[in-house]
Amino acid sequence: MAMKVNISERVLHFKQPAGTSRGVYTERRIWLVNVSDGEAVGVGECAPLLDLSCDAMEPAVYNKVLRGFCDQVEQTGEIPYEEMRDYPSMLFGLETAMMDVRSKKADRKGILFDTPFARGEQGITINGLVWMGNHEEMLQRMEEKLKLGFRCVKLKVGAIDFDQELDLVKRIRERFSYHEVELRLDANGGFRPDEALYKLELLSQYAIHSIEQPIKQKQWAMMAELCRESPLPIALDEELIGISDPDAKRQMLRIIKPRYIVLKPSLHGGMMGCREWIEIAKDEGIGSWITSALESNIGLNAIAQFCSEVYGENIKMPQGLGTGQLFTDNIPMPLEIRGDKLWISKNS
């Protein structure tokens, strides 16, 4: 039977403003795609980030482009993967919806990938996330994460006064050693190239696991120099956005030579594109982990299941999958955080 794809638009609202060096988010616009083959209906989430995603557009334009790809799915029953390489948020939504249809037809409702995590038998260790705020707000949020049981915490830096951020990291380390808490930093491109190395040297005295995107993307020569000189391991994030060709991915990683890459399916090519990034990085001796990108629970659920499949049962590094509690009007899914692990509840 022919496929039918419907699109609906929603706006989600943050419980508290989410601050990054690029600005503050108070709401989040997403598109849900519902794919039906006449027997089962699957849902996926398309969630571009304004001013960041390579396929971010005005809502009316986004809806029109997405509708065009949905029409192709209706006509062929297949996702036009190659045509969608430069539209990662749309691709991710359609990938999820198509997998959801197949899982329901196979009587595996909710199981997109047949893994212990998807079956509710195993949790995925995640990092706690401390959003930007003033000094006292960030310290309080850090303490809350540690009380909840997180042993890996990521701090957003690069927006408030650097001396205050440095003092915050120092105070955390005075109370918790690196044996007790792994600290990750995310600058979201917030450091100037002429000051970045100095700041990384100051931060390195506090046993930091890594720092994501210290300077803005598309400065390959400067980023490569930073990766060579930095006493802190550097992870690329925004740098990967918009690079969809496999050869270009390999070229960029060989030039910059980061220690890690941080992958978000909504930003970095959907599940297909992230698989390519992971394999290419592995070939180049570069580590990786997966994070969500402020999706609703529908997207988060698909990302977490994808993570459990692509890295296998023994995921070594904490993943960035703790953003499901950000919204006042999130979409219900059987996801829950217990301690520092994300679980799918078997009782739901």
C-alpha atoms as a PDB file:
ATOM      1  CA  MET A   1       0.000   0.000   0.000  1.00  0.00           C
ATOM      2  CA  ALA A   2       1.224   3.550  -0.755  1.00  0.00           C
ATOM      3  CA  MET A   3       2.887   5.637   1.937  1.00  0.00           C
ATOM      4  CA  LYS A   4       1.166   8.684   3.355  1.00  0.00           C
ATOM      5  CA  VAL A   5       3.157  11.370   5.198  1.00  0.00           C
ATOM      6  CA  ASN A   6       1.610  14.125   7.296  1.00  0.00           C
ATOM      7  CA  ILE A   7       3.507  17.050   8.830  1.00  0.00           C
ATOM      8  CA  SER A   8       2.579  18.935  11.992  1.00  0.00           C
ATOM      9  CA  GLU A   9       4.381  21.874  13.550  1.00  0.00           C
ATOM     10  CA  ARG A  10       4.847  22.438  17.293  1.00  0.00           C
ATOM     11  CA  VAL A  11       6.535  24.953  19.558  1.00  0.00           C
ATOM     12  CA  LEU A  12       8.058  23.644  22.807  1.00  0.00           C
ATOM     13  CA  HIS A  13       8.785  25.915  25.776  1.00  0.00           C
ATOM     14  CA  PHE A  14      11.838  25.690  28.015  1.00  0.00           C
ATOM     15  CA  LYS A  15      11.340  25.368  31.762  1.00  0.00           C
ATOM     16  CA  GLN A  16      14.113  27.930  32.167  1.00  0.00           C
ATOM     17  CA  PRO A  17      16.062  29.880  29.527  1.00  0.00           C
ATOM     18  CA  ALA A  18      18.845  27.773  27.981  1.00  0.00           C
ATOM     19  CA  GLY A  19      21.923  29.940  27.522  1.00  0.00           C
ATOM     20  CA  THR A  20      24.845  29.350  25.168  1.00  0.00           C
ATOM     21  CA  SER A  21      27.522  31.664  23.808  1.00  0.00           C
ATOM     22  CA  ARG A  22      25.293  32.080  20.733  1.00  0.00           C
ATOM     23  CA  GLY A  23      22.323  33.365  22.742  1.00  0.00           C
ATOM     24  CA  VAL A  24      19.456  32.216  24.946  1.00  0.00           C
ATOM     25  CA  TYR A  25      16.686  29.817  23.928  1.00  0.00           C
ATOM     26  CA  THR A  26      13.227  30.202  25.467  1.00  0.00           C
ATOM     27  CA  GLU A  27      11.252  28.140  22.954  1.00  0.00           C
ATOM     28  CA  ARG A  28      11.905  25.454  20.353  1.00  0.00           C
ATOM     29  CA  ARG A  29      10.094  24.914  17.039  1.00  0.00           C
ATOM     30  CA  ILE A  30       9.902  21.343  15.734  1.00  0.00           C
ATOM     31  CA  TRP A  31       8.111  19.496  12.932  1.00  0.00           C
ATOM     32  CA  LEU A  32       6.669  16.009  13.456  1.00  0.00           C
ATOM     33  CA  VAL A  33       6.364  13.702  10.447  1.00  0.00           C
ATOM     34  CA  ASN A  34       3.795  10.901  10.642  1.00  0.00           C
ATOM     35  CA  VAL A  35       4.375   8.151   8.083  1.00  0.00           C
ATOM     36  CA  SER A  36       1.643   5.587   7.390  1.00  0.00           C
ATOM     37  CA  ASP A  37       1.712   2.573   5.088  1.00  0.00           C
ATOM     38  CA  GLY A  38      -1.945   1.717   5.783  1.00  0.00           C
ATOM     39  CA  GLU A  39      -1.048  -0.810   8.484  1.00  0.00           C
ATOM     40  CA  ALA A  40       1.102   1.161  10.909  1.00  0.00           C
ATOM     41  CA  VAL A  41       1.950   4.795  11.639  1.00  0.00           C
ATOM     42  CA  GLY A  42       5.446   5.936  12.605  1.00  0.00           C
ATOM     43  CA  VAL A  43       6.504   9.328  13.932  1.00  0.00           C
ATOM     44  CA  GLY A  44       9.772  11.203  13.620  1.00  0.00           C
ATOM     45  CA  GLU A  45      11.012  14.631  14.681  1.00  0.00           C
ATOM     46  CA  CYS A  46      12.607  17.291  12.506  1.00  0.00           C
ATOM     47  CA  ALA A  47      14.220  19.857  14.802  1.00  0.00           C
ATOM     48  CA  PRO A  48      16.513  22.419  13.150  1.00  0.00           C
ATOM     49  CA  LEU A  49      18.298  24.900  15.399  1.00  0.00           C
ATOM     50  CA  LEU A  50      17.945  28.542  14.435  1.00  0.00           C
ATOM     51  CA  ASP A  51      21.244  30.168  13.359  1.00  0.00           C
ATOM     52  CA  LEU A  52      23.075  26.840  13.633  1.00  0.00           C
ATOM     53  CA  SER A  53      21.590  24.034  11.524  1.00  0.00           C
ATOM     54  CA  CYS A  54      22.636  24.001   7.885  1.00  0.00           C
ATOM     55  CA  ASP A  55      18.973  23.411   6.996  1.00  0.00           C
ATOM     56  CA  ALA A  56      17.501  26.096   9.264  1.00  0.00           C
ATOM     57  CA  MET A  57      15.029  28.256   7.305  1.00  0.00           C
ATOM     58  CA  GLU A  58      12.003  30.424   7.824  1.00  0.00           C
ATOM     59  CA  PRO A  59       9.191  28.129   9.060  1.00  0.00           C
ATOM     60  CA  ALA A  60       7.123  28.444   5.872  1.00  0.00           C
ATOM     61  CA  VAL A  61      10.137  27.642   3.672  1.00  0.00           C
ATOM     62  CA  TYR A  62      11.208  24.738   5.900  1.00  0.00           C
ATOM     63  CA  ASN A  63       7.723  23.278   5.752  1.00  0.00           C
ATOM     64  CA  LYS A  64       7.694  23.539   1.946  1.00  0.00           C
ATOM     65  CA  VAL A  65      11.082  21.845   1.497  1.00  0.00           C
ATOM     66  CA  LEU A  66      10.185  19.102   3.985  1.00  0.00           C
ATOM     67  CA  ARG A  67       6.880  18.565   2.181  1.00  0.00           C
ATOM     68  CA  GLY A  68       8.796  18.006  -1.055  1.00  0.00           C
ATOM     69  CA  PHE A  69      10.869  15.230   0.498  1.00  0.00           C
ATOM     70  CA  CYS A  70       7.768  13.717   2.092  1.00  0.00           C
ATOM     71  CA  ASP A  71       6.109  13.663  -1.349  1.00  0.00           C
ATOM     72  CA  GLN A  72       9.048  11.636  -2.664  1.00  0.00           C
ATOM     73  CA  VAL A  73       8.632   9.158   0.186  1.00  0.00           C
ATOM     74  CA  GLU A  74       4.946   8.861  -0.669  1.00  0.00           C
ATOM     75  CA  GLN A  75       5.748   8.202  -4.339  1.00  0.00           C
ATOM     76  CA  THR A  76       8.641   5.759  -3.912  1.00  0.00           C
ATOM     77  CA  GLY A  77       8.270   4.338  -0.409  1.00  0.00           C
ATOM     78  CA  GLU A  78      11.949   5.194   0.163  1.00  0.00           C
ATOM     79  CA  ILE A  79      13.916   8.074   1.701  1.00  0.00           C
ATOM     80  CA  PRO A  80      15.941  10.009  -0.934  1.00  0.00           C
ATOM     81  CA  TYR A  81      19.130   9.794   1.147  1.00  0.00           C
ATOM     82  CA  GLU A  82      21.584  11.374  -1.281  1.00  0.00           C
ATOM     83  CA  GLU A  83      19.269  14.308  -2.007  1.00  0.00           C
ATOM     84  CA  MET A  84      18.828  14.864   1.726  1.00  0.00           C
ATOM     85  CA  ARG A  85      22.507  14.979   2.746  1.00  0.00           C
ATOM     86  CA  ASP A  86      22.311  18.758   3.199  1.00  0.00           C
ATOM     87  CA  TYR A  87      19.035  18.562   5.154  1.00  0.00           C
ATOM     88  CA  PRO A  88      20.056  16.625   8.275  1.00  0.00           C
ATOM     89  CA  SER A  89      17.150  17.545  10.560  1.00  0.00           C
ATOM     90  CA  MET A  90      14.625  16.531   7.891  1.00  0.00           C
ATOM     91  CA  LEU A  91      16.509  13.336   7.123  1.00  0.00           C
ATOM     92  CA  PHE A  92      16.663  12.373  10.795  1.00  0.00           C
ATOM     93  CA  GLY A  93      12.919  12.864  11.189  1.00  0.00           C
ATOM     94  CA  LEU A  94      12.082  10.703   8.184  1.00  0.00           C
ATOM     95  CA  GLU A  95      14.621   8.032   9.185  1.00  0.00           C
ATOM     96  CA  THR A  96      13.003   7.814  12.621  1.00  0.00           C
ATOM     97  CA  ALA A  97       9.447   7.700  11.274  1.00  0.00           C
ATOM     98  CA  MET A  98      10.235   4.962   8.735  1.00  0.00           C
ATOM     99  CA  MET A  99      11.978   2.865  11.388  1.00  0.00           C
ATOM    100  CA  ASP A 100       9.020   3.381  13.712  1.00  0.00           C
ATOM    101  CA  VAL A 101       6.651   2.024  11.046  1.00  0.00           C
ATOM    102  CA  ARG A 102       8.801  -1.075  10.590  1.00  0.00           C
ATOM    103  CA  SER A 103       9.074  -1.672  14.339  1.00  0.00           C
ATOM    104  CA  LYS A 104       5.293  -1.551  14.787  1.00  0.00           C
ATOM    105  CA  LYS A 105       4.667  -3.876  11.860  1.00  0.00           C
ATOM    106  CA  ALA A 106       7.130  -6.361  13.350  1.00  0.00           C
ATOM    107  CA  ASP A 107       5.288  -6.143  16.708  1.00  0.00           C
ATOM    108  CA  ARG A 108       8.309  -4.402  18.259  1.00  0.00           C
ATOM    109  CA  LYS A 109       6.481  -1.204  19.156  1.00  0.00           C
ATOM    110  CA  GLY A 110       8.952   1.459  20.253  1.00  0.00           C
ATOM    111  CA  ILE A 111      12.053  -0.628  19.511  1.00  0.00           C
ATOM    112  CA  LEU A 112      13.839   1.058  16.615  1.00  0.00           C
ATOM    113  CA  PHE A 113      17.065  -0.895  17.181  1.00  0.00           C
ATOM    114  CA  ASP A 114      16.949  -4.264  18.947  1.00  0.00           C
ATOM    115  CA  THR A 115      19.438  -3.535  21.730  1.00  0.00           C
ATOM    116  CA  PRO A 116      19.435  -4.088  25.510  1.00  0.00           C
ATOM    117  CA  PHE A 117      18.824  -0.353  25.965  1.00  0.00           C
ATOM    118  CA  ALA A 118      15.840  -0.307  23.598  1.00  0.00           C
ATOM    119  CA  ARG A 119      14.382  -3.352  25.377  1.00  0.00           C
ATOM    120  CA  GLY A 120      14.675  -1.558  28.745  1.00  0.00           C
ATOM    121  CA  GLU A 121      17.340  -3.960  30.035  1.00  0.00           C
ATOM    122  CA  GLN A 122      20.295  -1.577  30.168  1.00  0.00           C
ATOM    123  CA  GLY A 123      20.867   2.136  30.722  1.00  0.00           C
ATOM    124  CA  ILE A 124      23.221   4.495  28.894  1.00  0.00           C
ATOM    125  CA  THR A 125      25.585   6.557  31.057  1.00  0.00           C
ATOM    126  CA  ILE A 126      25.112  10.246  30.305  1.00  0.00           C
ATOM    127  CA  ASN A 127      26.711  13.515  31.330  1.00  0.00           C
ATOM    128  CA  GLY A 128      24.894  16.119  33.341  1.00  0.00           C
ATOM    129  CA  LEU A 129      24.569  19.472  31.587  1.00  0.00           C
ATOM    130  CA  VAL A 130      25.048  22.825  33.323  1.00  0.00           C
ATOM    131  CA  TRP A 131      23.700  25.711  31.239  1.00  0.00           C
ATOM    132  CA  MET A 132      25.233  29.140  31.215  1.00  0.00           C
ATOM    133  CA  GLY A 133      24.152  31.612  33.850  1.00  0.00           C
ATOM    134  CA  ASN A 134      25.846  33.838  36.335  1.00  0.00           C
ATOM    135  CA  HIS A 135      28.545  32.431  38.582  1.00  0.00           C
ATOM    136  CA  GLU A 136      26.273  31.456  41.465  1.00  0.00           C
ATOM    137  CA  GLU A 137      23.601  29.971  39.201  1.00  0.00           C
ATOM    138  CA  MET A 138      26.125  27.724  37.492  1.00  0.00           C
ATOM    139  CA  LEU A 139      27.647  26.604  40.791  1.00  0.00           C
ATOM    140  CA  GLN A 140      24.182  25.780  42.152  1.00  0.00           C
ATOM    141  CA  ARG A 141      23.279  23.827  38.999  1.00  0.00           C
ATOM    142  CA  MET A 142      26.571  21.952  39.245  1.00  0.00           C
ATOM    143  CA  GLU A 143      25.841  20.947  42.822  1.00  0.00           C
ATOM    144  CA  GLU A 144      22.354  19.772  41.819  1.00  0.00           C
ATOM    145  CA  LYS A 145      23.803  17.512  39.113  1.00  0.00           C
ATOM    146  CA  LEU A 146      26.301  15.979  41.525  1.00  0.00           C
ATOM    147  CA  LYS A 147      23.575  15.332  44.116  1.00  0.00           C
ATOM    148  CA  LEU A 148      21.578  13.493  41.444  1.00  0.00           C
ATOM    149  CA  GLY A 149      24.503  11.116  40.961  1.00  0.00           C
ATOM    150  CA  PHE A 150      26.215  12.398  37.824  1.00  0.00           C
ATOM    151  CA  ARG A 151      29.898  11.585  37.586  1.00  0.00           C
ATOM    152  CA  CYS A 152      30.454  13.380  34.302  1.00  0.00           C
ATOM    153  CA  VAL A 153      29.276  16.983  33.984  1.00  0.00           C
ATOM    154  CA  LYS A 154      29.471  19.312  31.003  1.00  0.00           C
ATOM    155  CA  LEU A 155      29.692  23.054  31.575  1.00  0.00           C
ATOM    156  CA  LYS A 156      28.751  25.618  28.968  1.00  0.00           C
ATOM    157  CA  VAL A 157      31.446  28.309  28.924  1.00  0.00           C
ATOM    158  CA  GLY A 158      32.390  31.290  26.789  1.00  0.00           C
ATOM    159  CA  ALA A 159      29.519  33.693  27.490  1.00  0.00           C
ATOM    160  CA  ILE A 160      30.082  35.177  30.943  1.00  0.00           C
ATOM    161  CA  ASP A 161      33.335  36.667  32.215  1.00  0.00           C
ATOM    162  CA  PHE A 162      36.117  34.115  31.690  1.00  0.00           C
ATOM    163  CA  ASP A 163      37.696  34.791  35.090  1.00  0.00           C
ATOM    164  CA  GLN A 164      34.390  33.855  36.715  1.00  0.00           C
ATOM    165  CA  GLU A 165      34.179  30.687  34.633  1.00  0.00           C
ATOM    166  CA  LEU A 166      37.732  29.789  35.571  1.00  0.00           C
ATOM    167  CA  ASP A 167      36.954  30.399  39.235  1.00  0.00           C
ATOM    168  CA  LEU A 168      33.884  28.171  38.936  1.00  0.00           C
ATOM    169  CA  VAL A 169      35.979  25.323  37.509  1.00  0.00           C
ATOM    170  CA  LYS A 170      38.589  25.877  40.235  1.00  0.00           C
ATOM    171  CA  ARG A 171      35.955  25.745  42.989  1.00  0.00           C
ATOM    172  CA  ILE A 172      34.490  22.541  41.536  1.00  0.00           C
ATOM    173  CA  ARG A 173      37.912  20.916  41.459  1.00  0.00           C
ATOM    174  CA  GLU A 174      38.655  22.012  45.027  1.00  0.00           C
ATOM    175  CA  ARG A 175      35.581  20.081  46.131  1.00  0.00           C
ATOM    176  CA  PHE A 176      35.624  17.149  43.707  1.00  0.00           C
ATOM    177  CA  SER A 177      38.728  15.481  42.295  1.00  0.00           C
ATOM    178  CA  TYR A 178      38.914  14.170  38.729  1.00  0.00           C
ATOM    179  CA  HIS A 179      38.475  10.676  40.207  1.00  0.00           C
ATOM    180  CA  GLU A 180      35.053  11.766  41.466  1.00  0.00           C
ATOM    181  CA  VAL A 181      33.830  13.974  38.617  1.00  0.00           C
ATOM    182  CA  GLU A 182      34.800  14.119  34.964  1.00  0.00           C
ATOM    183  CA  LEU A 183      34.481  17.693  33.690  1.00  0.00           C
ATOM    184  CA  ARG A 184      33.743  18.489  30.063  1.00  0.00           C
ATOM    185  CA  LEU A 185      33.530  22.022  28.715  1.00  0.00           C
ATOM    186  CA  ASP A 186      31.641  23.365  25.705  1.00  0.00           C
ATOM    187  CA  ALA A 187      32.585  26.814  24.443  1.00  0.00           C
ATOM    188  CA  ASN A 188      30.234  26.799  21.411  1.00  0.00           C
ATOM    189  CA  GLY A 189      32.891  28.787  19.534  1.00  0.00           C
ATOM    190  CA  GLY A 190      32.962  31.456  22.248  1.00  0.00           C
ATOM    191  CA  PHE A 191      36.749  32.084  22.446  1.00  0.00           C
ATOM    192  CA  ARG A 192      38.589  34.465  20.132  1.00  0.00           C
ATOM    193  CA  PRO A 193      41.382  32.738  18.177  1.00  0.00           C
ATOM    194  CA  ASP A 194      44.034  35.103  19.610  1.00  0.00           C
ATOM    195  CA  GLU A 195      43.089  34.247  23.212  1.00  0.00           C
ATOM    196  CA  ALA A 196      41.967  30.623  22.925  1.00  0.00           C
ATOM    197  CA  LEU A 197      45.291  28.893  23.623  1.00  0.00           C
ATOM    198  CA  TYR A 198      45.950  31.033  26.692  1.00  0.00           C
ATOM    199  CA  LYS A 199      42.509  30.212  28.080  1.00  0.00           C
ATOM    200  CA  LEU A 200      42.956  26.491  27.361  1.00  0.00           C
ATOM    201  CA  GLU A 201      46.281  26.549  29.198  1.00  0.00           C
ATOM    202  CA  LEU A 202      44.622  28.117  32.252  1.00  0.00           C
ATOM    203  CA  LEU A 203      41.774  25.576  32.174  1.00  0.00           C
ATOM    204  CA  SER A 204      44.126  22.610  31.745  1.00  0.00           C
ATOM    205  CA  GLN A 205      45.357  22.818  35.339  1.00  0.00           C
ATOM    206  CA  TYR A 206      41.952  21.541  36.505  1.00  0.00           C
ATOM    207  CA  ALA A 207      41.965  18.087  34.909  1.00  0.00           C
ATOM    208  CA  ILE A 208      39.424  18.775  32.164  1.00  0.00           C
ATOM    209  CA  HIS A 209      38.393  15.817  29.990  1.00  0.00           C
ATOM    210  CA  SER A 210      37.893  17.901  26.835  1.00  0.00           C
ATOM    211  CA  ILE A 211      36.553  21.161  25.450  1.00  0.00           C
ATOM    212  CA  GLU A 212      34.133  21.358  22.538  1.00  0.00           C
ATOM    213  CA  GLN A 213      34.559  23.905  19.765  1.00  0.00           C
ATOM    214  CA  PRO A 214      36.748  26.521  21.514  1.00  0.00           C
ATOM    215  CA  ILE A 215      36.651  28.879  18.480  1.00  0.00           C
ATOM    216  CA  LYS A 216      34.061  29.435  15.779  1.00  0.00           C
ATOM    217  CA  GLN A 217      33.879  26.919  12.970  1.00  0.00           C
ATOM    218  CA  LYS A 218      35.349  27.298   9.457  1.00  0.00           C
ATOM    219  CA  GLN A 219      38.760  28.394  10.692  1.00  0.00           C
ATOM    220  CA  TRP A 220      40.499  25.131   9.868  1.00  0.00           C
ATOM    221  CA  ALA A 221      44.098  26.365  10.023  1.00  0.00           C
ATOM    222  CA  MET A 222      43.580  28.026  13.414  1.00  0.00           C
ATOM    223  CA  MET A 223      41.665  25.039  14.773  1.00  0.00           C
ATOM    224  CA  ALA A 224      44.369  22.656  13.554  1.00  0.00           C
ATOM    225  CA  GLU A 225      47.008  24.747  15.315  1.00  0.00           C
ATOM    226  CA  LEU A 226      44.937  24.759  18.499  1.00  0.00           C
ATOM    227  CA  CYS A 227      44.571  20.968  18.355  1.00  0.00           C
ATOM    228  CA  ARG A 228      48.367  20.651  18.005  1.00  0.00           C
ATOM    229  CA  GLU A 229      49.225  23.106  20.771  1.00  0.00           C
ATOM    230  CA  SER A 230      46.403  22.749  23.277  1.00  0.00           C
ATOM    231  CA  PRO A 231      47.119  21.006  26.594  1.00  0.00           C
ATOM    232  CA  LEU A 232      43.391  20.152  26.622  1.00  0.00           C
ATOM    233  CA  PRO A 233      41.869  17.575  24.253  1.00  0.00           C
ATOM    234  CA  ILE A 234      39.658  19.368  21.728  1.00  0.00           C
ATOM    235  CA  ALA A 235      36.368  18.004  20.414  1.00  0.00           C
ATOM    236  CA  LEU A 236      34.705  19.309  17.260  1.00  0.00           C
ATOM    237  CA  ASP A 237      30.967  19.955  17.174  1.00  0.00           C
ATOM    238  CA  GLU A 238      29.755  22.943  15.137  1.00  0.00           C
ATOM    239  CA  GLU A 239      32.754  22.375  12.855  1.00  0.00           C
ATOM    240  CA  LEU A 240      31.026  19.301  11.416  1.00  0.00           C
ATOM    241  CA  ILE A 241      27.833  21.112  10.399  1.00  0.00           C
ATOM    242  CA  GLY A 242      27.263  21.333   6.664  1.00  0.00           C
ATOM    243  CA  ILE A 243      29.997  18.861   5.727  1.00  0.00           C
ATOM    244  CA  SER A 244      28.011  16.070   4.124  1.00  0.00           C
ATOM    245  CA  ASP A 245      30.340  14.472   1.558  1.00  0.00           C
ATOM    246  CA  PRO A 246      32.337  11.507   2.983  1.00  0.00           C
ATOM    247  CA  ASP A 247      35.574  12.616   1.285  1.00  0.00           C
ATOM    248  CA  ALA A 248      35.184  16.128   2.688  1.00  0.00           C
ATOM    249  CA  LYS A 249      34.623  14.668   6.166  1.00  0.00           C
ATOM    250  CA  ARG A 250      37.847  12.701   5.962  1.00  0.00           C
ATOM    251  CA  GLN A 251      39.781  15.677   4.592  1.00  0.00           C
ATOM    252  CA  MET A 252      38.608  17.958   7.394  1.00  0.00           C
ATOM    253  CA  LEU A 253      39.497  15.464  10.129  1.00  0.00           C
ATOM    254  CA  ARG A 254      42.939  14.855   8.611  1.00  0.00           C
ATOM    255  CA  ILE A 255      43.651  18.588   8.489  1.00  0.00           C
ATOM    256  CA  ILE A 256      42.404  19.548  11.954  1.00  0.00           C
ATOM    257  CA  LYS A 257      43.190  16.280  13.796  1.00  0.00           C
ATOM    258  CA  PRO A 258      40.905  16.727  16.831  1.00  0.00           C
ATOM    259  CA  ARG A 259      40.920  14.250  19.706  1.00  0.00           C
ATOM    260  CA  TYR A 260      37.138  13.774  19.520  1.00  0.00           C
ATOM    261  CA  ILE A 261      34.054  14.637  17.492  1.00  0.00           C
ATOM    262  CA  VAL A 262      30.623  15.184  19.054  1.00  0.00           C
ATOM    263  CA  LEU A 263      27.733  14.015  16.903  1.00  0.00           C
ATOM    264  CA  LYS A 264      24.126  15.172  16.762  1.00  0.00           C
ATOM    265  CA  PRO A 265      21.960  13.407  14.163  1.00  0.00           C
ATOM    266  CA  SER A 266      19.732  16.481  13.708  1.00  0.00           C
ATOM    267  CA  LEU A 267      22.797  18.559  12.801  1.00  0.00           C
ATOM    268  CA  HIS A 268      25.316  16.134  11.367  1.00  0.00           C
ATOM    269  CA  GLY A 269      23.584  14.166   8.639  1.00  0.00           C
ATOM    270  CA  GLY A 270      20.890  12.161  10.358  1.00  0.00           C
ATOM    271  CA  MET A 271      21.688   8.612  11.419  1.00  0.00           C
ATOM    272  CA  MET A 272      23.235   7.875   8.030  1.00  0.00           C
ATOM    273  CA  GLY A 273      25.617  10.827   8.218  1.00  0.00           C
ATOM    274  CA  CYS A 274      26.584  10.128  11.825  1.00  0.00           C
ATOM    275  CA  ARG A 275      27.472   6.532  10.954  1.00  0.00           C
ATOM    276  CA  GLU A 276      29.831   7.895   8.295  1.00  0.00           C
ATOM    277  CA  TRP A 277      31.408  10.350  10.734  1.00  0.00           C
ATOM    278  CA  ILE A 278      31.938   7.628  13.357  1.00  0.00           C
ATOM    279  CA  GLU A 279      33.564   5.205  10.916  1.00  0.00           C
ATOM    280  CA  ILE A 280      35.793   7.849   9.315  1.00  0.00           C
ATOM    281  CA  ALA A 281      36.847   9.181  12.717  1.00  0.00           C
ATOM    282  CA  LYS A 282      37.610   5.662  13.885  1.00  0.00           C
ATOM    283  CA  ASP A 283      39.842   5.131  10.840  1.00  0.00           C
ATOM    284  CA  GLU A 284      41.697   8.343  11.735  1.00  0.00           C
ATOM    285  CA  GLY A 285      42.147   7.400  15.414  1.00  0.00           C
ATOM    286  CA  ILE A 286      39.612   9.981  16.612  1.00  0.00           C
ATOM    287  CA  GLY A 287      37.082   9.233  19.336  1.00  0.00           C
ATOM    288  CA  SER A 288      33.423  10.219  19.294  1.00  0.00           C
ATOM    289  CA  TRP A 289      30.272  10.419  21.335  1.00  0.00           C
ATOM    290  CA  ILE A 290      26.662  11.297  20.577  1.00  0.00           C
ATOM    291  CA  THR A 291      24.486  14.020  22.018  1.00  0.00           C
ATOM    292  CA  SER A 292      20.968  15.278  21.502  1.00  0.00           C
ATOM    293  CA  ALA A 293      20.373  18.820  20.243  1.00  0.00           C
ATOM    294  CA  LEU A 294      17.369  20.098  22.207  1.00  0.00           C
ATOM    295  CA  GLU A 295      14.912  17.735  20.539  1.00  0.00           C
ATOM    296  CA  SER A 296      11.681  16.633  22.189  1.00  0.00           C
ATOM    297  CA  ASN A 297      11.496  13.155  23.688  1.00  0.00           C
ATOM    298  CA  ILE A 298      10.649  11.721  20.259  1.00  0.00           C
ATOM    299  CA  GLY A 299      13.996  12.769  18.855  1.00  0.00           C
ATOM    300  CA  LEU A 300      15.863  11.982  22.069  1.00  0.00           C
ATOM    301  CA  ASN A 301      14.448   8.455  22.134  1.00  0.00           C
ATOM    302  CA  ALA A 302      15.589   7.795  18.558  1.00  0.00           C
ATOM    303  CA  ILE A 303      19.049   9.285  19.198  1.00  0.00           C
ATOM    304  CA  ALA A 304      19.530   7.200  22.349  1.00  0.00           C
ATOM    305  CA  GLN A 305      18.490   3.982  20.591  1.00  0.00           C
ATOM    306  CA  PHE A 306      20.775   4.821  17.665  1.00  0.00           C
ATOM    307  CA  CYS A 307      23.608   5.439  20.131  1.00  0.00           C
ATOM    308  CA  SER A 308      23.041   2.049  21.771  1.00  0.00           C
ATOM    309  CA  GLU A 309      23.186   0.356  18.390  1.00  0.00           C
ATOM    310  CA  VAL A 310      26.154   2.145  16.852  1.00  0.00           C
ATOM    311  CA  TYR A 311      28.440   1.839  19.903  1.00  0.00           C
ATOM    312  CA  GLY A 312      27.195  -1.557  21.093  1.00  0.00           C
ATOM    313  CA  GLU A 313      26.366  -2.790  24.572  1.00  0.00           C
ATOM    314  CA  ASN A 314      29.544  -1.591  26.260  1.00  0.00           C
ATOM    315  CA  ILE A 315      29.438   2.156  25.679  1.00  0.00           C
ATOM    316  CA  LYS A 316      32.650   3.416  27.221  1.00  0.00           C
ATOM    317  CA  MET A 317      32.042   7.184  27.346  1.00  0.00           C
ATOM    318  CA  PRO A 318      29.161   9.128  28.894  1.00  0.00           C
ATOM    319  CA  GLN A 319      26.864  10.374  26.147  1.00  0.00           C
ATOM    320  CA  GLY A 320      25.056  13.713  25.951  1.00  0.00           C
ATOM    321  CA  LEU A 321      21.474  12.484  26.186  1.00  0.00           C
ATOM    322  CA  GLY A 322      20.123  14.328  29.201  1.00  0.00           C
ATOM    323  CA  THR A 323      18.099  17.087  27.534  1.00  0.00           C
ATOM    324  CA  GLY A 324      14.681  15.414  27.769  1.00  0.00           C
ATOM    325  CA  GLN A 325      13.684  17.304  30.928  1.00  0.00           C
ATOM    326  CA  LEU A 326      14.091  20.797  29.483  1.00  0.00           C
ATOM    327  CA  PHE A 327      10.559  21.523  28.277  1.00  0.00           C
ATOM    328  CA  THR A 328       7.308  22.284  30.077  1.00  0.00           C
ATOM    329  CA  ASP A 329       5.301  20.687  27.250  1.00  0.00           C
ATOM    330  CA  ASN A 330       7.484  17.793  26.115  1.00  0.00           C
ATOM    331  CA  ILE A 331       5.982  14.843  24.275  1.00  0.00           C
ATOM    332  CA  PRO A 332       5.537  11.846  26.623  1.00  0.00           C
ATOM    333  CA  MET A 333       7.891   8.917  26.009  1.00  0.00           C
ATOM    334  CA  PRO A 334       9.018   6.094  28.323  1.00  0.00           C
ATOM    335  CA  LEU A 335      12.392   7.744  28.999  1.00  0.00           C
ATOM    336  CA  GLU A 336      13.713   8.315  32.485  1.00  0.00           C
ATOM    337  CA  ILE A 337      16.993   9.254  34.114  1.00  0.00           C
ATOM    338  CA  ARG A 338      18.064   7.112  37.054  1.00  0.00           C
ATOM    339  CA  GLY A 339      21.247   8.380  38.654  1.00  0.00           C
ATOM    340  CA  ASP A 340      23.579   9.091  35.737  1.00  0.00           C
ATOM    341  CA  LYS A 341      21.938   6.726  33.259  1.00  0.00           C
ATOM    342  CA  LEU A 342      19.176   7.157  30.710  1.00  0.00           C
ATOM    343  CA  TRP A 343      16.709   4.270  30.600  1.00  0.00           C
ATOM    344  CA  ILE A 344      13.675   3.230  28.614  1.00  0.00           C
ATOM    345  CA  SER A 345      11.086   2.179  31.165  1.00  0.00           C
ATOM    346  CA  LYS A 346       9.772  -1.355  30.620  1.00  0.00           C
ATOM    347  CA  ASN A 347       6.630  -0.501  32.572  1.00  0.00           C
ATOM    348  CA  SER A 348       5.391   2.055  30.060  1.00  0.00           C
END
